[in-house]
Protein backbone atom coordinates (compact mmCIF):
# COMPACT_ATOMS: atom_id res chain seq x y z
CA MET A 1 -24.52 -28.34 46.83
CA SER A 2 -20.87 -27.21 47.83
CA ARG A 3 -20.59 -23.69 48.66
CA PHE A 4 -17.08 -22.98 47.43
CA ILE A 5 -16.86 -21.20 43.63
CA ARG A 6 -14.47 -22.66 41.31
CA PHE A 7 -12.47 -19.50 39.55
CA PRO A 8 -10.49 -20.34 35.91
CA SER A 9 -6.11 -20.76 36.85
CA LEU A 10 -4.70 -17.68 36.32
CA ALA A 11 -3.08 -19.70 32.83
CA ALA A 12 -6.76 -20.25 31.58
CA LEU A 13 -7.28 -16.56 32.31
CA ALA A 14 -4.13 -15.55 30.46
CA VAL A 15 -4.71 -17.72 27.25
CA CYS A 16 -8.20 -16.46 27.35
CA ALA A 17 -7.11 -12.27 27.53
CA ALA A 18 -4.39 -12.89 24.63
CA PRO A 19 -4.05 -12.31 20.96
CA ALA A 20 -4.60 -15.34 19.31
CA PHE A 21 -1.52 -16.25 17.66
CA ALA A 22 -2.34 -19.65 17.19
CA ASP A 23 -1.31 -20.21 13.91
CA PRO A 24 1.59 -17.83 12.12
CA VAL A 25 0.78 -15.42 9.39
CA ASN A 26 3.10 -15.85 6.57
CA ILE A 27 3.15 -14.04 3.65
CA THR A 28 3.32 -17.31 1.00
CA PRO A 29 3.66 -20.56 2.50
CA ASP A 30 7.31 -19.95 2.60
CA ILE A 31 8.06 -16.28 3.38
CA ALA A 32 7.70 -14.39 6.40
CA SER A 33 8.15 -11.08 6.19
CA VAL A 34 10.64 -9.06 4.02
CA MET A 35 12.49 -6.42 4.33
CA VAL A 36 12.15 -3.12 2.23
CA PRO A 37 15.43 0.12 2.40
CA THR A 38 13.62 2.78 3.58
CA ASP A 39 14.38 6.47 3.87
CA THR A 40 15.68 6.61 7.24
CA THR A 41 16.16 2.92 8.04
CA PRO A 42 15.55 -0.96 5.93
CA VAL A 43 11.49 -2.07 7.79
CA GLU A 44 10.34 -5.18 7.80
CA ILE A 45 7.30 -6.65 6.54
CA ARG A 46 5.37 -8.65 7.73
CA ARG A 47 1.46 -9.67 8.12
CA ASN A 48 -0.32 -9.29 11.62
CA GLN A 49 0.64 -12.58 13.87
CA ASP A 50 -3.37 -11.41 15.93
CA ASN A 51 -5.66 -15.16 14.13
CA ASP A 52 -8.17 -12.59 15.09
CA ALA A 53 -7.65 -9.03 14.04
CA VAL A 54 -9.91 -7.21 11.88
CA LEU A 55 -10.18 -4.49 9.91
CA THR A 56 -11.60 -0.96 12.01
CA GLY A 57 -12.56 1.98 11.96
CA GLU A 58 -11.97 4.32 8.24
CA TRP A 59 -11.00 1.36 7.01
CA ALA A 60 -13.72 -1.24 7.53
CA ARG A 61 -16.15 1.15 6.03
CA THR A 62 -17.70 -0.83 2.90
CA SER A 63 -20.01 1.68 0.93
CA ARG A 64 -18.59 5.75 0.75
CA PRO A 65 -20.90 7.60 -1.85
CA CYS A 66 -20.08 7.25 -5.71
CA PRO A 67 -18.89 9.96 -6.85
CA ASN A 68 -16.02 10.79 -5.19
CA PHE A 69 -15.23 7.06 -4.16
CA CYS A 70 -16.63 5.09 -7.45
CA ILE A 71 -15.05 1.88 -8.32
CA GLN A 72 -11.88 1.89 -10.39
CA PRO A 73 -11.14 -0.33 -13.88
CA MET A 74 -8.84 -3.39 -13.05
CA SER A 75 -6.47 -0.71 -15.51
CA PRO A 76 -6.42 2.68 -15.70
CA ALA A 77 -5.31 3.24 -18.66
CA GLU A 78 -4.15 1.30 -21.71
CA GLY A 79 -0.41 -0.38 -21.46
CA VAL A 80 -0.47 -0.70 -17.49
CA THR A 81 -0.29 -3.31 -15.69
CA THR A 82 -2.57 -3.90 -12.90
CA ILE A 83 -0.16 -5.56 -9.88
CA GLY A 84 -1.27 -7.57 -6.42
CA GLU A 85 0.68 -7.05 -3.08
CA LEU A 86 3.56 -9.84 -4.09
CA GLU A 87 4.13 -8.15 -7.17
CA LEU A 88 3.86 -4.81 -5.32
CA LEU A 89 7.14 -6.50 -2.21
CA ALA A 90 9.30 -7.86 -5.02
CA ALA A 91 8.61 -4.04 -6.88
CA LEU A 92 9.83 -2.51 -3.10
CA GLN A 93 12.83 -5.42 -3.11
CA ASP A 94 14.30 -3.85 -6.28
CA PRO A 95 15.84 -1.08 -6.35
CA ASP A 96 15.46 -0.17 -9.76
CA VAL A 97 11.66 0.43 -9.32
CA ILE A 98 9.97 3.36 -7.40
CA VAL A 99 6.57 2.78 -5.57
CA THR A 100 4.73 5.84 -5.06
CA ASP A 101 1.98 6.67 -3.35
CA SER A 102 0.13 9.36 -4.95
CA ARG A 103 -2.56 10.02 -2.43
CA VAL A 104 -3.06 13.38 -0.84
CA ARG A 105 -0.69 14.46 2.27
CA SER A 106 -3.73 14.06 5.19
CA ASP A 107 -3.62 10.54 3.83
CA TYR A 108 -0.81 9.57 3.35
CA LEU A 109 0.37 11.09 6.69
CA GLY A 110 -2.46 8.55 8.23
CA GLY A 111 -0.06 6.00 6.67
CA THR A 112 1.81 4.41 4.16
CA ILE A 113 3.51 1.42 2.99
CA PRO A 114 7.13 0.87 4.15
CA GLY A 115 8.83 1.94 1.17
CA ALA A 116 7.03 3.95 -0.45
CA ILE A 117 8.09 7.91 -1.55
CA HIS A 118 4.97 10.85 -2.17
CA LEU A 119 3.82 12.20 -4.62
CA PRO A 120 0.85 13.41 -4.69
CA TYR A 121 -1.17 12.79 -7.88
CA THR A 122 -2.08 16.62 -7.83
CA GLU A 123 1.72 16.76 -8.74
CA VAL A 124 3.04 14.21 -10.18
CA ALA A 125 2.32 15.17 -14.31
CA ASP A 126 4.50 18.41 -12.60
CA ARG A 127 7.71 16.70 -10.46
CA LEU A 128 8.11 13.76 -13.73
CA ASP A 129 12.02 13.74 -13.17
CA VAL A 130 11.44 12.36 -9.42
CA LEU A 131 9.97 9.28 -11.82
CA GLY A 132 13.49 9.42 -13.91
CA CYS A 133 12.62 11.26 -16.27
CA GLU A 134 14.74 14.73 -17.82
CA VAL A 135 13.20 18.31 -17.81
CA ASP A 136 13.39 19.20 -21.34
CA PHE A 137 11.94 22.73 -23.20
CA ASP A 138 9.37 20.51 -23.97
CA GLY A 139 8.49 19.66 -20.54
CA PHE A 140 9.62 16.00 -19.55
CA ASP A 141 11.69 13.76 -21.61
CA CYS A 142 11.05 10.53 -19.93
CA THR A 143 13.06 7.93 -22.55
CA ASN A 144 14.77 6.03 -19.56
CA ALA A 145 11.95 6.73 -16.88
CA SER A 146 11.96 4.55 -14.12
CA ARG A 147 9.36 1.82 -13.67
CA VAL A 148 7.25 2.84 -11.44
CA VAL A 149 4.19 1.54 -9.37
CA LEU A 150 1.28 3.73 -8.44
CA PHE A 151 -0.52 3.27 -5.32
CA CYS A 152 -4.13 5.18 -3.57
CA ASN A 153 -6.82 4.09 -0.77
CA GLY A 154 -8.17 1.46 -2.52
CA PRO A 155 -10.90 0.13 -5.60
CA TRP A 156 -13.06 3.21 -5.19
CA CYS A 157 -10.07 5.58 -5.16
CA GLY A 158 -9.52 7.50 -7.95
CA GLN A 159 -6.10 9.14 -6.98
CA SER A 160 -3.34 7.15 -8.61
CA PRO A 161 -6.06 6.83 -11.75
CA THR A 162 -6.27 10.25 -12.05
CA ALA A 163 -1.99 10.19 -11.61
CA ILE A 164 -1.41 7.18 -14.22
CA ARG A 165 -3.48 8.93 -17.07
CA ARG A 166 -1.54 12.52 -16.25
CA MET A 167 1.92 10.89 -16.32
CA ILE A 168 1.05 9.61 -19.94
CA ALA A 169 -0.72 12.45 -20.74
CA ALA A 170 2.78 14.44 -20.24
CA GLY A 171 5.06 11.53 -21.89
CA PHE A 172 5.85 9.01 -19.33
CA PRO A 173 5.62 5.69 -20.56
CA ALA A 174 2.45 3.05 -19.75
CA GLU A 175 4.69 0.30 -20.07
CA ARG A 176 6.72 1.64 -17.45
CA ILE A 177 3.78 1.90 -14.72
CA SER A 178 2.49 -0.46 -12.96
CA TYR A 179 -0.95 0.16 -10.11
CA TYR A 180 -1.73 -1.94 -7.26
CA ARG A 181 -5.13 -0.97 -7.39
CA GLY A 182 -5.78 -3.00 -3.99
CA GLY A 183 -4.23 -0.27 -1.99
CA MET A 184 -4.16 0.47 1.69
CA GLN A 185 -7.59 -0.98 2.10
CA VAL A 186 -6.76 -3.81 1.12
CA TRP A 187 -2.58 -3.67 2.43
CA ARG A 188 -4.32 -3.71 5.46
CA MET A 189 -6.97 -6.00 5.38
CA LEU A 190 -4.34 -8.28 5.05
CA GLY A 191 -2.67 -6.97 7.95
CA LEU A 192 0.09 -5.89 6.02
CA THR A 193 3.18 -3.56 7.79
CA VAL A 194 2.48 -0.09 7.72
CA ILE A 195 3.96 3.60 8.58
CA GLU A 196 3.94 6.57 9.94
CA PRO A 197 6.18 8.71 7.66
CA ALA A 198 8.54 11.26 9.76
CA ASN A 199 8.32 13.63 6.61
């Protein structure tokens, strides 16, 4: 019996300690990342390249009490289009679309999707001018409203569905609204880029 103990080589230890970057994690087979404009500088959106990455903390929770955290319908209102991540990425690159984080400020400050503006669901019906409507004597004229996408925390979050219903009630055309139902939880689950807003 040998009295020598064999230790793994430094190279073997380095491989064990390194994140699992073995296989590239693209957005689609042909798209590794996209650049989107933000208030300060363009940001590259890509997926986390660590093949062993998992959600942790608040975003890993699967069971929030209902109410308030009830599963939302696929469409929050008639005429609104529900979209997924690829459509959201296209919207973020389209200068004619306003992507809106409709969550409360504390949620927004915890991280948001690059290129989104912050317009809390509690304020949206009073600030439709930010979304291309014109202030008039009766409220807003939304004849030339921008195309918008709204999102919140995830399929269990009612903030963006509430904002959408309030917008429509205030005269915003439903056919100009898209709803990213997956929200921040699914965005994070897919390892897509999240930024902490400066303001």
